[in-house]
């Protein structure tokens, strides 16, 4: 039985189950699938697609792009065997990860980044402006990485299918996204019940249409014949997070609370972020 208002949305975008319910209501209706645990926004209530212009990087998400997750970058590089000779960053943003790889791997590797926004030429990196599906169909890579992108797309299973298609047989697909099961998300939802909506508004903002649990992220990749080989629970740098308060005292209180939640998440595998490494076997 569909527990959500009739006619708003047909099925869960991950498992296609109609067994979903209204999770909570912010500026949009947020639903939760009873089958795969995936949480998702009602696409019919969206104001419009997010604009990936210069303001996206320098205003809306200034802290995130000004403070790249170097620990995650290093962890990913450690997963890349010297036998791999090519890497695609799908949704490369301003290219911070690709530049990190370029400076970290001694063996020659062909680096390609694709993103909606244009990037300035950079020696050793090939940038393509557009969508992932705009790349020639015969372009495949030993490693396909996508960081903080899949939560933005309307059809996550189809997007994971594109990552699969771009990966060579025997290669790796590495996907990072937010973790709806994290302590940070859980406390934000609790605060919203007490009319403190700032953290929840930030986490469930309109440009995030998908909110993955580890279960639903695994299922999204496995539906595309990708074998899960490793799950990494981790956090973003504290400097990369936006604290939804202008008063300096309130900001300090929020920041202290966020730090506690991030550390607790590491202890209990309920971190703010999650990264899955999967292999294409056929």
C-alpha atoms as a PDB file:
ATOM      1  CA  UNK A   1       0.000   0.000   0.000  1.00  0.00           C
ATOM      2  CA  UNK A   2       1.258   3.461  -0.846  1.00  0.00           C
ATOM      3  CA  UNK A   3       1.284   5.455   2.398  1.00  0.00           C
ATOM      4  CA  UNK A   4       1.971   8.802   0.696  1.00  0.00           C
ATOM      5  CA  UNK A   5      -0.598  11.188  -0.793  1.00  0.00           C
ATOM      6  CA  UNK A   6      -2.078   9.591  -3.903  1.00  0.00           C
ATOM      7  CA  UNK A   7      -0.739  10.732  -7.248  1.00  0.00           C
ATOM      8  CA  UNK A   8       2.292  12.679  -6.019  1.00  0.00           C
ATOM      9  CA  UNK A   9       4.938  10.154  -7.036  1.00  0.00           C
ATOM     10  CA  UNK A  10       4.701   6.690  -8.565  1.00  0.00           C
ATOM     11  CA  UNK A  11       7.491   4.697  -6.918  1.00  0.00           C
ATOM     12  CA  UNK A  12      10.787   4.740  -5.061  1.00  0.00           C
ATOM     13  CA  UNK A  13      13.533   5.900  -7.460  1.00  0.00           C
ATOM     14  CA  UNK A  14      15.883   3.123  -6.298  1.00  0.00           C
ATOM     15  CA  UNK A  15      13.884  -0.099  -5.914  1.00  0.00           C
ATOM     16  CA  UNK A  16      10.665   1.019  -7.697  1.00  0.00           C
ATOM     17  CA  UNK A  17       8.586  -0.128  -4.739  1.00  0.00           C
ATOM     18  CA  UNK A  18       5.271   1.611  -4.112  1.00  0.00           C
ATOM     19  CA  UNK A  19       5.625   0.929  -0.384  1.00  0.00           C
ATOM     20  CA  UNK A  20       6.760   4.386   0.689  1.00  0.00           C
ATOM     21  CA  UNK A  21       5.503   6.931   3.183  1.00  0.00           C
ATOM     22  CA  UNK A  22       5.735  10.593   3.989  1.00  0.00           C
ATOM     23  CA  UNK A  23       8.949  10.863   6.030  1.00  0.00           C
ATOM     24  CA  UNK A  24       8.548  14.506   6.970  1.00  0.00           C
ATOM     25  CA  UNK A  25       7.684  17.800   5.383  1.00  0.00           C
ATOM     26  CA  UNK A  26      10.097  20.694   4.856  1.00  0.00           C
ATOM     27  CA  UNK A  27       9.844  23.048   1.881  1.00  0.00           C
ATOM     28  CA  UNK A  28       9.179  19.815  -0.020  1.00  0.00           C
ATOM     29  CA  UNK A  29       7.591  16.495   0.853  1.00  0.00           C
ATOM     30  CA  UNK A  30      10.295  13.993   1.822  1.00  0.00           C
ATOM     31  CA  UNK A  31       9.442  10.307   1.421  1.00  0.00           C
ATOM     32  CA  UNK A  32      11.004   7.113   2.785  1.00  0.00           C
ATOM     33  CA  UNK A  33      10.805   3.730   1.057  1.00  0.00           C
ATOM     34  CA  UNK A  34       9.779   0.912   3.390  1.00  0.00           C
ATOM     35  CA  UNK A  35      11.458  -1.636   1.110  1.00  0.00           C
ATOM     36  CA  UNK A  36      15.010  -0.321   0.555  1.00  0.00           C
ATOM     37  CA  UNK A  37      15.090   2.519   3.154  1.00  0.00           C
ATOM     38  CA  UNK A  38      15.861   5.153   0.510  1.00  0.00           C
ATOM     39  CA  UNK A  39      14.766   8.710   1.278  1.00  0.00           C
ATOM     40  CA  UNK A  40      13.843  11.042  -1.554  1.00  0.00           C
ATOM     41  CA  UNK A  41      12.205  14.370  -2.334  1.00  0.00           C
ATOM     42  CA  UNK A  42       8.955  14.708  -4.220  1.00  0.00           C
ATOM     43  CA  UNK A  43      10.033  15.788  -7.727  1.00  0.00           C
ATOM     44  CA  UNK A  44       6.630  17.352  -8.399  1.00  0.00           C
ATOM     45  CA  UNK A  45       7.222  19.965  -5.701  1.00  0.00           C
ATOM     46  CA  UNK A  46      10.649  21.079  -6.853  1.00  0.00           C
ATOM     47  CA  UNK A  47      10.950  24.758  -7.690  1.00  0.00           C
ATOM     48  CA  UNK A  48      13.433  24.037 -10.451  1.00  0.00           C
ATOM     49  CA  UNK A  49      16.815  22.549 -11.258  1.00  0.00           C
ATOM     50  CA  UNK A  50      19.808  23.909  -9.438  1.00  0.00           C
ATOM     51  CA  UNK A  51      22.050  26.248 -11.395  1.00  0.00           C
ATOM     52  CA  UNK A  52      25.680  25.173 -11.582  1.00  0.00           C
ATOM     53  CA  UNK A  53      27.105  28.589 -12.373  1.00  0.00           C
ATOM     54  CA  UNK A  54      29.912  30.503 -10.687  1.00  0.00           C
ATOM     55  CA  UNK A  55      27.602  31.369  -7.764  1.00  0.00           C
ATOM     56  CA  UNK A  56      27.181  27.667  -7.011  1.00  0.00           C
ATOM     57  CA  UNK A  57      30.901  27.387  -6.258  1.00  0.00           C
ATOM     58  CA  UNK A  58      31.645  30.814  -4.803  1.00  0.00           C
ATOM     59  CA  UNK A  59      28.465  31.590  -2.856  1.00  0.00           C
ATOM     60  CA  UNK A  60      25.977  28.754  -2.284  1.00  0.00           C
ATOM     61  CA  UNK A  61      28.673  26.148  -1.462  1.00  0.00           C
ATOM     62  CA  UNK A  62      31.732  28.297  -0.898  1.00  0.00           C
ATOM     63  CA  UNK A  63      32.927  26.393   2.201  1.00  0.00           C
ATOM     64  CA  UNK A  64      32.583  22.987   0.516  1.00  0.00           C
ATOM     65  CA  UNK A  65      34.676  23.913  -2.526  1.00  0.00           C
ATOM     66  CA  UNK A  66      37.162  26.039  -0.592  1.00  0.00           C
ATOM     67  CA  UNK A  67      37.995  23.122   1.706  1.00  0.00           C
ATOM     68  CA  UNK A  68      38.441  19.956  -0.390  1.00  0.00           C
ATOM     69  CA  UNK A  69      38.274  16.636   1.438  1.00  0.00           C
ATOM     70  CA  UNK A  70      41.961  15.735   1.178  1.00  0.00           C
ATOM     71  CA  UNK A  71      41.612  12.749   3.522  1.00  0.00           C
ATOM     72  CA  UNK A  72      38.992  11.238   1.245  1.00  0.00           C
ATOM     73  CA  UNK A  73      41.081  12.032  -1.834  1.00  0.00           C
ATOM     74  CA  UNK A  74      44.057  10.233  -0.276  1.00  0.00           C
ATOM     75  CA  UNK A  75      41.894   7.246   0.690  1.00  0.00           C
ATOM     76  CA  UNK A  76      40.574   6.935  -2.865  1.00  0.00           C
ATOM     77  CA  UNK A  77      44.066   7.145  -4.364  1.00  0.00           C
ATOM     78  CA  UNK A  78      45.076   4.258  -2.083  1.00  0.00           C
ATOM     79  CA  UNK A  79      42.357   2.130  -3.712  1.00  0.00           C
ATOM     80  CA  UNK A  80      43.786   2.712  -7.184  1.00  0.00           C
ATOM     81  CA  UNK A  81      46.150  -0.021  -8.313  1.00  0.00           C
ATOM     82  CA  UNK A  82      49.172   0.944 -10.461  1.00  0.00           C
ATOM     83  CA  UNK A  83      47.702  -1.316 -13.173  1.00  0.00           C
ATOM     84  CA  UNK A  84      44.929   1.225 -13.760  1.00  0.00           C
ATOM     85  CA  UNK A  85      45.891   3.694 -16.470  1.00  0.00           C
ATOM     86  CA  UNK A  86      42.826   5.930 -16.822  1.00  0.00           C
ATOM     87  CA  UNK A  87      40.411   7.705 -14.483  1.00  0.00           C
ATOM     88  CA  UNK A  88      37.190   9.622 -15.050  1.00  0.00           C
ATOM     89  CA  UNK A  89      35.790  12.067 -12.487  1.00  0.00           C
ATOM     90  CA  UNK A  90      32.057  12.315 -13.275  1.00  0.00           C
ATOM     91  CA  UNK A  91      30.912  15.653 -11.896  1.00  0.00           C
ATOM     92  CA  UNK A  92      34.418  16.945 -11.247  1.00  0.00           C
ATOM     93  CA  UNK A  93      33.403  20.442 -10.098  1.00  0.00           C
ATOM     94  CA  UNK A  94      36.462  22.663 -10.214  1.00  0.00           C
ATOM     95  CA  UNK A  95      38.812  19.682 -10.523  1.00  0.00           C
ATOM     96  CA  UNK A  96      40.255  19.507  -6.985  1.00  0.00           C
ATOM     97  CA  UNK A  97      40.231  15.699  -6.888  1.00  0.00           C
ATOM     98  CA  UNK A  98      41.820  15.357 -10.339  1.00  0.00           C
ATOM     99  CA  UNK A  99      44.611  17.757  -9.393  1.00  0.00           C
ATOM    100  CA  UNK A 100      45.192  15.748  -6.218  1.00  0.00           C
ATOM    101  CA  UNK A 101      45.469  12.518  -8.223  1.00  0.00           C
ATOM    102  CA  UNK A 102      47.830  14.170 -10.689  1.00  0.00           C
ATOM    103  CA  UNK A 103      50.171  15.133  -7.876  1.00  0.00           C
ATOM    104  CA  UNK A 104      49.878  11.849  -5.966  1.00  0.00           C
ATOM    105  CA  UNK A 105      50.316   9.036  -8.502  1.00  0.00           C
ATOM    106  CA  UNK A 106      53.780   8.402  -9.894  1.00  0.00           C
ATOM    107  CA  UNK A 107      52.734   6.111 -12.734  1.00  0.00           C
ATOM    108  CA  UNK A 108      51.241   7.676 -15.906  1.00  0.00           C
ATOM    109  CA  UNK A 109      47.443   7.918 -15.771  1.00  0.00           C
ATOM    110  CA  UNK A 110      44.987   9.513 -18.192  1.00  0.00           C
ATOM    111  CA  UNK A 111      42.772  11.892 -16.196  1.00  0.00           C
ATOM    112  CA  UNK A 112      39.430  13.152 -17.523  1.00  0.00           C
ATOM    113  CA  UNK A 113      36.856  15.300 -15.761  1.00  0.00           C
ATOM    114  CA  UNK A 114      33.331  16.062 -16.930  1.00  0.00           C
ATOM    115  CA  UNK A 115      31.080  18.709 -15.412  1.00  0.00           C
ATOM    116  CA  UNK A 116      28.300  21.142 -16.332  1.00  0.00           C
ATOM    117  CA  UNK A 117      30.629  24.084 -15.761  1.00  0.00           C
ATOM    118  CA  UNK A 118      33.717  24.864 -17.807  1.00  0.00           C
ATOM    119  CA  UNK A 119      37.183  24.425 -16.339  1.00  0.00           C
ATOM    120  CA  UNK A 120      40.344  26.224 -17.343  1.00  0.00           C
ATOM    121  CA  UNK A 121      42.906  24.025 -19.141  1.00  0.00           C
ATOM    122  CA  UNK A 122      45.268  22.234 -16.763  1.00  0.00           C
ATOM    123  CA  UNK A 123      48.334  20.299 -17.925  1.00  0.00           C
ATOM    124  CA  UNK A 124      47.816  16.565 -17.427  1.00  0.00           C
ATOM    125  CA  UNK A 125      43.999  16.784 -17.093  1.00  0.00           C
ATOM    126  CA  UNK A 126      41.412  16.662 -19.873  1.00  0.00           C
ATOM    127  CA  UNK A 127      38.244  18.572 -19.050  1.00  0.00           C
ATOM    128  CA  UNK A 128      34.920  18.066 -20.829  1.00  0.00           C
ATOM    129  CA  UNK A 129      31.965  20.404 -20.290  1.00  0.00           C
ATOM    130  CA  UNK A 130      28.537  18.795 -20.318  1.00  0.00           C
ATOM    131  CA  UNK A 131      26.805  15.731 -18.937  1.00  0.00           C
ATOM    132  CA  UNK A 132      28.257  12.276 -18.470  1.00  0.00           C
ATOM    133  CA  UNK A 133      26.165  10.855 -21.301  1.00  0.00           C
ATOM    134  CA  UNK A 134      27.656  13.452 -23.664  1.00  0.00           C
ATOM    135  CA  UNK A 135      30.977  11.583 -23.672  1.00  0.00           C
ATOM    136  CA  UNK A 136      31.481   9.242 -26.661  1.00  0.00           C
ATOM    137  CA  UNK A 137      29.988   5.842 -25.852  1.00  0.00           C
ATOM    138  CA  UNK A 138      33.260   4.035 -26.533  1.00  0.00           C
ATOM    139  CA  UNK A 139      35.196   6.078 -23.950  1.00  0.00           C
ATOM    140  CA  UNK A 140      35.820   3.762 -20.986  1.00  0.00           C
ATOM    141  CA  UNK A 141      38.095   4.115 -17.993  1.00  0.00           C
ATOM    142  CA  UNK A 142      39.798   1.833 -15.479  1.00  0.00           C
ATOM    143  CA  UNK A 143      38.460   3.924 -12.595  1.00  0.00           C
ATOM    144  CA  UNK A 144      35.240   5.973 -12.576  1.00  0.00           C
ATOM    145  CA  UNK A 145      34.803   8.302  -9.613  1.00  0.00           C
ATOM    146  CA  UNK A 146      31.745  10.366  -8.701  1.00  0.00           C
ATOM    147  CA  UNK A 147      31.866  12.494  -5.561  1.00  0.00           C
ATOM    148  CA  UNK A 148      28.753  14.182  -4.131  1.00  0.00           C
ATOM    149  CA  UNK A 149      26.830  13.972  -7.414  1.00  0.00           C
ATOM    150  CA  UNK A 150      24.355  11.088  -7.192  1.00  0.00           C
ATOM    151  CA  UNK A 151      22.260  12.883  -4.555  1.00  0.00           C
ATOM    152  CA  UNK A 152      21.477  15.582  -7.150  1.00  0.00           C
ATOM    153  CA  UNK A 153      20.085  13.389  -9.929  1.00  0.00           C
ATOM    154  CA  UNK A 154      16.448  12.504 -10.588  1.00  0.00           C
ATOM    155  CA  UNK A 155      17.152   8.859 -11.515  1.00  0.00           C
ATOM    156  CA  UNK A 156      20.026   7.481  -9.403  1.00  0.00           C
ATOM    157  CA  UNK A 157      19.824   3.968 -10.868  1.00  0.00           C
ATOM    158  CA  UNK A 158      20.185   5.318 -14.410  1.00  0.00           C
ATOM    159  CA  UNK A 159      23.083   7.517 -13.290  1.00  0.00           C
ATOM    160  CA  UNK A 160      24.822   4.505 -11.720  1.00  0.00           C
ATOM    161  CA  UNK A 161      24.219   2.707 -15.008  1.00  0.00           C
ATOM    162  CA  UNK A 162      26.114   5.469 -16.810  1.00  0.00           C
ATOM    163  CA  UNK A 163      29.023   5.025 -14.377  1.00  0.00           C
ATOM    164  CA  UNK A 164      28.957   1.283 -15.102  1.00  0.00           C
ATOM    165  CA  UNK A 165      28.966   1.868 -18.864  1.00  0.00           C
ATOM    166  CA  UNK A 166      31.992   4.185 -18.582  1.00  0.00           C
ATOM    167  CA  UNK A 167      33.995   1.643 -16.590  1.00  0.00           C
ATOM    168  CA  UNK A 168      36.218  -1.009 -18.155  1.00  0.00           C
ATOM    169  CA  UNK A 169      35.569  -4.628 -17.210  1.00  0.00           C
ATOM    170  CA  UNK A 170      37.642  -5.289 -14.105  1.00  0.00           C
ATOM    171  CA  UNK A 171      37.725  -1.596 -13.248  1.00  0.00           C
ATOM    172  CA  UNK A 172      36.409   0.315 -10.229  1.00  0.00           C
ATOM    173  CA  UNK A 173      33.417   2.566  -9.727  1.00  0.00           C
ATOM    174  CA  UNK A 174      33.775   4.778  -6.628  1.00  0.00           C
ATOM    175  CA  UNK A 175      30.758   6.754  -5.417  1.00  0.00           C
ATOM    176  CA  UNK A 176      30.577   9.181  -2.496  1.00  0.00           C
ATOM    177  CA  UNK A 177      27.372  10.704  -1.163  1.00  0.00           C
ATOM    178  CA  UNK A 178      25.690  11.873   2.036  1.00  0.00           C
ATOM    179  CA  UNK A 179      24.471   9.374   4.614  1.00  0.00           C
ATOM    180  CA  UNK A 180      20.845   9.734   5.694  1.00  0.00           C
ATOM    181  CA  UNK A 181      21.536   7.315   8.584  1.00  0.00           C
ATOM    182  CA  UNK A 182      24.232   9.575  10.033  1.00  0.00           C
ATOM    183  CA  UNK A 183      23.944  11.097  13.493  1.00  0.00           C
ATOM    184  CA  UNK A 184      24.087  14.526  11.859  1.00  0.00           C
ATOM    185  CA  UNK A 185      20.955  13.823   9.806  1.00  0.00           C
ATOM    186  CA  UNK A 186      19.176  12.162  12.739  1.00  0.00           C
ATOM    187  CA  UNK A 187      19.744  15.092  15.093  1.00  0.00           C
ATOM    188  CA  UNK A 188      18.748  17.584  12.386  1.00  0.00           C
ATOM    189  CA  UNK A 189      15.412  15.786  11.962  1.00  0.00           C
ATOM    190  CA  UNK A 190      14.903  15.754  15.740  1.00  0.00           C
ATOM    191  CA  UNK A 191      15.596  19.499  15.950  1.00  0.00           C
ATOM    192  CA  UNK A 192      13.087  20.135  13.177  1.00  0.00           C
ATOM    193  CA  UNK A 193      10.386  18.537  15.334  1.00  0.00           C
ATOM    194  CA  UNK A 194      11.086  21.254  17.884  1.00  0.00           C
ATOM    195  CA  UNK A 195      10.802  23.974  15.223  1.00  0.00           C
ATOM    196  CA  UNK A 196      14.580  24.415  14.880  1.00  0.00           C
ATOM    197  CA  UNK A 197      14.617  23.853  11.146  1.00  0.00           C
ATOM    198  CA  UNK A 198      17.929  25.388  10.010  1.00  0.00           C
ATOM    199  CA  UNK A 199      20.055  22.184   9.975  1.00  0.00           C
ATOM    200  CA  UNK A 200      17.277  20.162   8.319  1.00  0.00           C
ATOM    201  CA  UNK A 201      16.670  22.873   5.733  1.00  0.00           C
ATOM    202  CA  UNK A 202      20.362  22.687   4.863  1.00  0.00           C
ATOM    203  CA  UNK A 203      20.605  18.895   4.654  1.00  0.00           C
ATOM    204  CA  UNK A 204      17.316  18.426   2.819  1.00  0.00           C
ATOM    205  CA  UNK A 205      17.640  21.496   0.600  1.00  0.00           C
ATOM    206  CA  UNK A 206      16.006  21.504  -2.823  1.00  0.00           C
ATOM    207  CA  UNK A 207      19.159  20.614  -4.771  1.00  0.00           C
ATOM    208  CA  UNK A 208      19.454  17.265  -2.932  1.00  0.00           C
ATOM    209  CA  UNK A 209      16.747  15.027  -4.366  1.00  0.00           C
ATOM    210  CA  UNK A 210      18.155  11.713  -3.081  1.00  0.00           C
ATOM    211  CA  UNK A 211      19.143  10.912   0.518  1.00  0.00           C
ATOM    212  CA  UNK A 212      20.906   7.564   0.607  1.00  0.00           C
ATOM    213  CA  UNK A 213      21.222   5.068   3.390  1.00  0.00           C
ATOM    214  CA  UNK A 214      24.028   2.557   2.928  1.00  0.00           C
ATOM    215  CA  UNK A 215      21.393  -0.040   2.054  1.00  0.00           C
ATOM    216  CA  UNK A 216      19.850   2.060  -0.712  1.00  0.00           C
ATOM    217  CA  UNK A 217      23.242   3.130  -2.092  1.00  0.00           C
ATOM    218  CA  UNK A 218      24.385  -0.495  -2.254  1.00  0.00           C
ATOM    219  CA  UNK A 219      21.183  -1.467  -4.015  1.00  0.00           C
ATOM    220  CA  UNK A 220      21.549   1.372  -6.534  1.00  0.00           C
ATOM    221  CA  UNK A 221      24.977   0.080  -7.580  1.00  0.00           C
ATOM    222  CA  UNK A 222      24.120  -3.625  -7.396  1.00  0.00           C
ATOM    223  CA  UNK A 223      21.121  -3.103  -9.687  1.00  0.00           C
ATOM    224  CA  UNK A 224      23.739  -2.183 -12.307  1.00  0.00           C
ATOM    225  CA  UNK A 225      25.773  -5.388 -11.844  1.00  0.00           C
ATOM    226  CA  UNK A 226      28.460  -3.685  -9.775  1.00  0.00           C
ATOM    227  CA  UNK A 227      30.063  -5.803  -7.049  1.00  0.00           C
ATOM    228  CA  UNK A 228      30.483  -3.952  -3.758  1.00  0.00           C
ATOM    229  CA  UNK A 229      34.006  -4.504  -2.453  1.00  0.00           C
ATOM    230  CA  UNK A 230      34.437  -1.794   0.189  1.00  0.00           C
ATOM    231  CA  UNK A 231      32.384   0.736   2.172  1.00  0.00           C
ATOM    232  CA  UNK A 232      34.114   3.710   3.765  1.00  0.00           C
ATOM    233  CA  UNK A 233      32.375   5.780   6.452  1.00  0.00           C
ATOM    234  CA  UNK A 234      33.860   9.238   6.897  1.00  0.00           C
ATOM    235  CA  UNK A 235      33.172  12.935   7.376  1.00  0.00           C
ATOM    236  CA  UNK A 236      33.820  16.162   5.536  1.00  0.00           C
ATOM    237  CA  UNK A 237      36.324  18.658   6.974  1.00  0.00           C
ATOM    238  CA  UNK A 238      34.545  20.779   9.566  1.00  0.00           C
ATOM    239  CA  UNK A 239      35.599  23.900   7.654  1.00  0.00           C
ATOM    240  CA  UNK A 240      33.694  22.613   4.607  1.00  0.00           C
ATOM    241  CA  UNK A 241      30.349  22.562   6.410  1.00  0.00           C
ATOM    242  CA  UNK A 242      27.938  25.468   6.441  1.00  0.00           C
ATOM    243  CA  UNK A 243      26.731  26.368   9.937  1.00  0.00           C
ATOM    244  CA  UNK A 244      23.145  27.729   9.638  1.00  0.00           C
ATOM    245  CA  UNK A 245      23.467  30.598  12.142  1.00  0.00           C
ATOM    246  CA  UNK A 246      24.610  34.211  11.934  1.00  0.00           C
ATOM    247  CA  UNK A 247      25.025  34.932  15.650  1.00  0.00           C
ATOM    248  CA  UNK A 248      28.583  34.092  16.648  1.00  0.00           C
ATOM    249  CA  UNK A 249      27.580  32.455  19.949  1.00  0.00           C
ATOM    250  CA  UNK A 250      24.936  30.301  18.259  1.00  0.00           C
ATOM    251  CA  UNK A 251      27.458  29.410  15.549  1.00  0.00           C
ATOM    252  CA  UNK A 252      29.965  28.233  18.156  1.00  0.00           C
ATOM    253  CA  UNK A 253      27.305  26.109  19.871  1.00  0.00           C
ATOM    254  CA  UNK A 254      26.255  24.591  16.532  1.00  0.00           C
ATOM    255  CA  UNK A 255      29.882  23.946  15.582  1.00  0.00           C
ATOM    256  CA  UNK A 256      30.641  22.205  18.886  1.00  0.00           C
ATOM    257  CA  UNK A 257      27.565  20.024  18.462  1.00  0.00           C
ATOM    258  CA  UNK A 258      28.490  19.149  14.881  1.00  0.00           C
ATOM    259  CA  UNK A 259      32.009  18.127  15.945  1.00  0.00           C
ATOM    260  CA  UNK A 260      30.594  15.807  18.629  1.00  0.00           C
ATOM    261  CA  UNK A 261      28.197  14.238  16.118  1.00  0.00           C
ATOM    262  CA  UNK A 262      30.949  13.731  13.544  1.00  0.00           C
ATOM    263  CA  UNK A 263      33.186  11.947  16.051  1.00  0.00           C
ATOM    264  CA  UNK A 264      30.299   9.813  17.305  1.00  0.00           C
ATOM    265  CA  UNK A 265      29.521   8.927  13.702  1.00  0.00           C
ATOM    266  CA  UNK A 266      33.040   7.607  13.225  1.00  0.00           C
ATOM    267  CA  UNK A 267      32.698   5.399  16.314  1.00  0.00           C
ATOM    268  CA  UNK A 268      29.358   3.898  15.262  1.00  0.00           C
ATOM    269  CA  UNK A 269      29.683   3.943  11.440  1.00  0.00           C
ATOM    270  CA  UNK A 270      27.019   6.628  11.199  1.00  0.00           C
ATOM    271  CA  UNK A 271      29.131   9.315   9.593  1.00  0.00           C
ATOM    272  CA  UNK A 272      27.971  12.297   7.562  1.00  0.00           C
ATOM    273  CA  UNK A 273      29.419  10.828   4.345  1.00  0.00           C
ATOM    274  CA  UNK A 274      29.806   7.365   2.836  1.00  0.00           C
ATOM    275  CA  UNK A 275      31.891   6.098  -0.062  1.00  0.00           C
ATOM    276  CA  UNK A 276      31.403   2.768  -1.805  1.00  0.00           C
ATOM    277  CA  UNK A 277      34.009   1.080  -3.991  1.00  0.00           C
ATOM    278  CA  UNK A 278      32.526  -1.354  -6.509  1.00  0.00           C
ATOM    279  CA  UNK A 279      33.961  -3.462  -9.308  1.00  0.00           C
ATOM    280  CA  UNK A 280      32.630  -4.069 -12.794  1.00  0.00           C
ATOM    281  CA  UNK A 281      33.125  -7.773 -13.403  1.00  0.00           C
ATOM    282  CA  UNK A 282      31.435  -8.146 -16.794  1.00  0.00           C
END
